[in-house]
Protein backbone atom coordinates (compact mmCIF):
# COMPACT_ATOMS: atom_id res chain seq x y z
CA MET A 1 135.28 106.22 119.88
CA ILE A 2 131.93 106.72 118.18
CA HIS A 3 128.77 104.66 118.15
CA GLU A 4 126.39 104.15 115.28
CA LEU A 5 122.73 103.74 116.16
CA ARG A 6 120.82 101.95 113.40
CA VAL A 7 117.06 101.44 113.30
CA TYR A 8 115.62 99.09 110.71
CA THR A 9 111.88 99.37 110.14
CA CYS A 10 110.67 96.14 108.60
CA LEU A 11 107.77 95.59 106.30
CA PRO A 12 104.77 94.09 108.15
CA GLY A 13 105.44 90.51 109.20
CA ARG A 14 109.11 90.57 108.10
CA LEU A 15 110.88 91.33 111.41
CA PRO A 16 111.44 87.60 112.14
CA ALA A 17 113.26 87.21 108.80
CA LEU A 18 115.55 90.13 109.65
CA GLN A 19 116.28 88.74 113.10
CA GLN A 20 117.08 85.34 111.62
CA ARG A 21 119.43 86.89 109.05
CA PHE A 22 121.36 88.71 111.78
CA GLU A 23 121.45 85.65 114.06
CA THR A 24 122.46 83.07 111.47
CA ARG A 25 124.55 85.02 108.94
CA THR A 26 125.26 88.72 109.49
CA LEU A 27 126.89 88.55 112.92
CA ALA A 28 129.37 85.88 111.79
CA ILE A 29 130.34 88.04 108.80
CA TRP A 30 130.77 91.06 111.09
CA GLU A 31 132.98 89.04 113.42
CA ARG A 32 135.17 88.00 110.49
CA LEU A 33 135.43 91.64 109.35
CA GLY A 34 136.03 93.10 112.82
CA ILE A 35 132.71 94.96 113.10
CA ARG A 36 131.80 95.31 116.79
CA SER A 37 128.11 95.25 117.69
CA LEU A 38 127.11 96.32 121.21
CA GLY A 39 123.51 95.15 121.34
CA PHE A 40 120.24 94.59 119.52
CA TRP A 41 116.71 95.53 120.58
CA THR A 42 113.18 95.22 119.31
CA THR A 43 110.51 97.77 120.13
CA MET A 44 108.04 96.77 122.85
CA THR A 45 106.09 100.03 122.76
CA GLY A 46 106.59 103.02 120.53
CA PRO A 47 105.89 104.17 117.01
CA SER A 48 106.60 100.79 115.38
CA ASN A 49 106.83 97.24 116.66
CA ASN A 50 108.41 96.39 113.30
CA ASP A 51 111.72 97.99 114.36
CA LEU A 52 115.07 96.37 115.07
CA THR A 53 117.52 98.77 116.74
CA TYR A 54 121.22 98.13 117.28
CA LEU A 55 124.50 99.82 118.16
CA ILE A 56 127.88 99.39 116.51
CA GLU A 57 131.13 100.69 118.02
CA TRP A 58 133.73 102.30 115.72
CA GLN A 59 137.17 103.74 116.42
CA SER A 60 136.51 106.49 113.87
CA LEU A 61 134.34 107.43 110.90
CA ALA A 62 137.21 106.34 108.66
CA GLU A 63 137.10 102.84 110.18
CA ARG A 64 133.35 102.77 109.67
CA GLU A 65 133.60 103.80 106.03
CA GLN A 66 136.26 101.19 105.27
CA LYS A 67 134.69 98.26 107.14
CA TRP A 68 131.11 99.02 106.06
CA ALA A 69 132.17 99.20 102.40
CA THR A 70 133.98 95.87 102.80
CA PHE A 71 130.87 94.36 104.41
CA MET A 72 128.49 95.62 101.71
CA ALA A 73 130.76 94.20 98.97
CA ASP A 74 131.30 90.87 100.76
CA PRO A 75 130.04 87.96 98.60
CA GLU A 76 128.85 86.01 101.66
CA TRP A 77 126.77 89.02 102.79
CA GLN A 78 125.33 89.54 99.32
CA GLN A 79 124.30 85.87 99.19
CA ALA A 80 122.78 86.02 102.70
CA LYS A 81 120.76 89.11 101.76
CA GLU A 82 119.56 87.57 98.52
CA THR A 83 118.58 84.29 100.20
CA SER A 84 116.76 86.01 103.07
CA GLU A 85 114.78 88.16 100.63
CA ALA A 86 113.65 85.25 98.44
CA ASP A 87 110.09 85.81 99.72
CA GLY A 88 110.32 89.55 99.15
CA PRO A 89 111.96 92.61 100.69
CA ILE A 90 112.42 92.72 104.47
CA VAL A 91 113.34 96.31 105.33
CA ALA A 92 111.19 99.34 104.54
CA ASN A 93 113.57 101.95 106.00
CA ILE A 94 116.97 102.27 107.66
CA ALA A 95 117.83 105.22 109.91
CA SER A 96 121.44 105.69 110.98
CA SER A 97 122.85 108.15 113.51
CA PHE A 98 126.42 108.61 114.72
CA LEU A 99 126.69 109.27 118.44
CA GLN A 100 129.54 110.64 120.49
CA PRO A 101 129.71 110.57 124.28
CA THR A 102 129.10 113.70 126.28
CA ARG A 103 131.86 115.04 128.51
CA PHE A 104 129.97 113.81 131.59
CA PHE A 105 129.70 110.18 130.40
CA GLN A 106 132.88 108.25 129.72
CA GLY A 107 131.52 104.94 128.47
CA PHE A 108 129.74 101.78 129.40
CA SER A 109 130.50 100.23 132.76
CA LYS A 110 132.05 96.80 132.45
CA PRO A 111 131.39 94.18 135.12
CA SER A 112 134.32 93.15 137.27
CA GLU A 113 135.85 89.81 136.40
């Protein structure tokens, strides 16, 4: 299991548009494609309050390559991106890191049901 940490730095004033795109369009597309997000965060304090940070869980890099390519080529995603950027670009920069757990941490604790 690997995790992808993605940080989107938005252009000034455009973070709400990115959040809306994720909330109303992107997450539904990901669900349909089997892309598993683990959480989303905005920056309270730090270098940029224009950042949206999130984690995606992948079984392998091969799964990531296949599903991300499918997502990027998805007509519904392309339409959502185009519509959300009608007033101009949203994202100034995207940073992506692939994380693997250390030997002393075996994963997220799940609450008892």
